[in-house]
Amino acid sequence: MSISNKIVRLPQVIQKTGLSRSTLYSLINSGDFPQKIKLSPRAMSFLESEIDSWIADRVTASKGV
């Protein structure tokens, strides 16, 4: 995977991870998911590279490697 500083919004993160909004918020609050970037008081986003890395880590962990 290539490193990307692309910003992705929550609907894209939900689609990319397959997780629900409430599950994502729970993982963020517990520190088990990349932290959000606050764009404005009402808009948040994530770095795509951090989401991709998190997904890769989950794949590796599930394979027991």
C-alpha atoms as a PDB file:
ATOM      1  CA  MET A   1       0.000   0.000   0.000  1.00  0.00           C
ATOM      2  CA  SER A   2       1.221   3.464  -0.782  1.00  0.00           C
ATOM      3  CA  ILE A   3       1.365   6.235   1.803  1.00  0.00           C
ATOM      4  CA  SER A   4      -1.375   8.799   1.241  1.00  0.00           C
ATOM      5  CA  ASN A   5      -2.117  12.049   3.029  1.00  0.00           C
ATOM      6  CA  LYS A   6      -5.565  11.983   1.487  1.00  0.00           C
ATOM      7  CA  ILE A   7      -8.319  12.933   3.896  1.00  0.00           C
ATOM      8  CA  VAL A   8     -11.366  10.675   3.988  1.00  0.00           C
ATOM      9  CA  ARG A   9     -14.669  11.414   5.665  1.00  0.00           C
ATOM     10  CA  LEU A  10     -16.600   9.108   7.968  1.00  0.00           C
ATOM     11  CA  PRO A  11     -18.889   7.565   5.297  1.00  0.00           C
ATOM     12  CA  GLN A  12     -15.797   6.515   3.327  1.00  0.00           C
ATOM     13  CA  VAL A  13     -14.223   5.033   6.475  1.00  0.00           C
ATOM     14  CA  ILE A  14     -17.413   3.092   7.187  1.00  0.00           C
ATOM     15  CA  GLN A  15     -17.413   1.748   3.635  1.00  0.00           C
ATOM     16  CA  LYS A  16     -13.692   0.938   3.700  1.00  0.00           C
ATOM     17  CA  THR A  17     -13.730  -0.875   7.063  1.00  0.00           C
ATOM     18  CA  GLY A  18     -17.206  -2.395   6.998  1.00  0.00           C
ATOM     19  CA  LEU A  19     -17.732  -1.194  10.574  1.00  0.00           C
ATOM     20  CA  SER A  20     -20.749   0.716  11.835  1.00  0.00           C
ATOM     21  CA  ARG A  21     -20.576   4.327  12.966  1.00  0.00           C
ATOM     22  CA  SER A  22     -21.100   3.355  16.617  1.00  0.00           C
ATOM     23  CA  THR A  23     -18.367   0.695  16.468  1.00  0.00           C
ATOM     24  CA  LEU A  24     -15.945   3.214  14.958  1.00  0.00           C
ATOM     25  CA  TYR A  25     -16.705   5.766  17.673  1.00  0.00           C
ATOM     26  CA  SER A  26     -16.189   3.098  20.331  1.00  0.00           C
ATOM     27  CA  LEU A  27     -12.825   2.078  18.830  1.00  0.00           C
ATOM     28  CA  ILE A  28     -11.740   5.722  18.547  1.00  0.00           C
ATOM     29  CA  ASN A  29     -12.645   6.408  22.170  1.00  0.00           C
ATOM     30  CA  SER A  30     -10.775   3.318  23.370  1.00  0.00           C
ATOM     31  CA  GLY A  31      -7.669   4.270  21.363  1.00  0.00           C
ATOM     32  CA  ASP A  32      -7.924   1.208  19.104  1.00  0.00           C
ATOM     33  CA  PHE A  33      -8.558   3.166  15.893  1.00  0.00           C
ATOM     34  CA  PRO A  34      -6.757   6.122  14.285  1.00  0.00           C
ATOM     35  CA  GLN A  35      -7.734   9.470  15.748  1.00  0.00           C
ATOM     36  CA  LYS A  36     -10.009  11.748  13.800  1.00  0.00           C
ATOM     37  CA  ILE A  37      -8.901  15.070  12.347  1.00  0.00           C
ATOM     38  CA  LYS A  38     -11.231  17.910  13.168  1.00  0.00           C
ATOM     39  CA  LEU A  39     -11.798  20.025  10.056  1.00  0.00           C
ATOM     40  CA  SER A  40     -14.398  22.281  11.653  1.00  0.00           C
ATOM     41  CA  PRO A  41     -16.653  22.171  14.719  1.00  0.00           C
ATOM     42  CA  ARG A  42     -19.021  19.817  12.863  1.00  0.00           C
ATOM     43  CA  ALA A  43     -16.776  18.011  10.381  1.00  0.00           C
ATOM     44  CA  MET A  44     -14.270  15.273  11.062  1.00  0.00           C
ATOM     45  CA  SER A  45     -12.076  13.185   8.820  1.00  0.00           C
ATOM     46  CA  PHE A  46      -9.254  10.658   8.887  1.00  0.00           C
ATOM     47  CA  LEU A  47      -5.986  10.175   7.052  1.00  0.00           C
ATOM     48  CA  GLU A  48      -6.466   7.438   4.492  1.00  0.00           C
ATOM     49  CA  SER A  49      -2.947   6.091   5.119  1.00  0.00           C
ATOM     50  CA  GLU A  50      -3.752   5.561   8.819  1.00  0.00           C
ATOM     51  CA  ILE A  51      -6.999   3.759   7.965  1.00  0.00           C
ATOM     52  CA  ASP A  52      -5.196   1.555   5.418  1.00  0.00           C
ATOM     53  CA  SER A  53      -2.497   0.756   7.979  1.00  0.00           C
ATOM     54  CA  TRP A  54      -5.120  -0.120  10.607  1.00  0.00           C
ATOM     55  CA  ILE A  55      -6.825  -2.469   8.136  1.00  0.00           C
ATOM     56  CA  ALA A  56      -3.488  -4.105   7.249  1.00  0.00           C
ATOM     57  CA  ASP A  57      -2.765  -4.621  10.963  1.00  0.00           C
ATOM     58  CA  ARG A  58      -6.156  -6.315  11.440  1.00  0.00           C
ATOM     59  CA  VAL A  59      -5.478  -8.641   8.481  1.00  0.00           C
ATOM     60  CA  THR A  60      -2.056  -9.555   9.846  1.00  0.00           C
ATOM     61  CA  ALA A  61      -3.466 -10.170  13.343  1.00  0.00           C
ATOM     62  CA  SER A  62      -6.263 -12.364  12.007  1.00  0.00           C
ATOM     63  CA  LYS A  63      -3.810 -14.510  10.065  1.00  0.00           C
ATOM     64  CA  GLY A  64      -1.676 -15.030  13.178  1.00  0.00           C
ATOM     65  CA  VAL A  65       1.468 -13.751  11.492  1.00  0.00           C
END
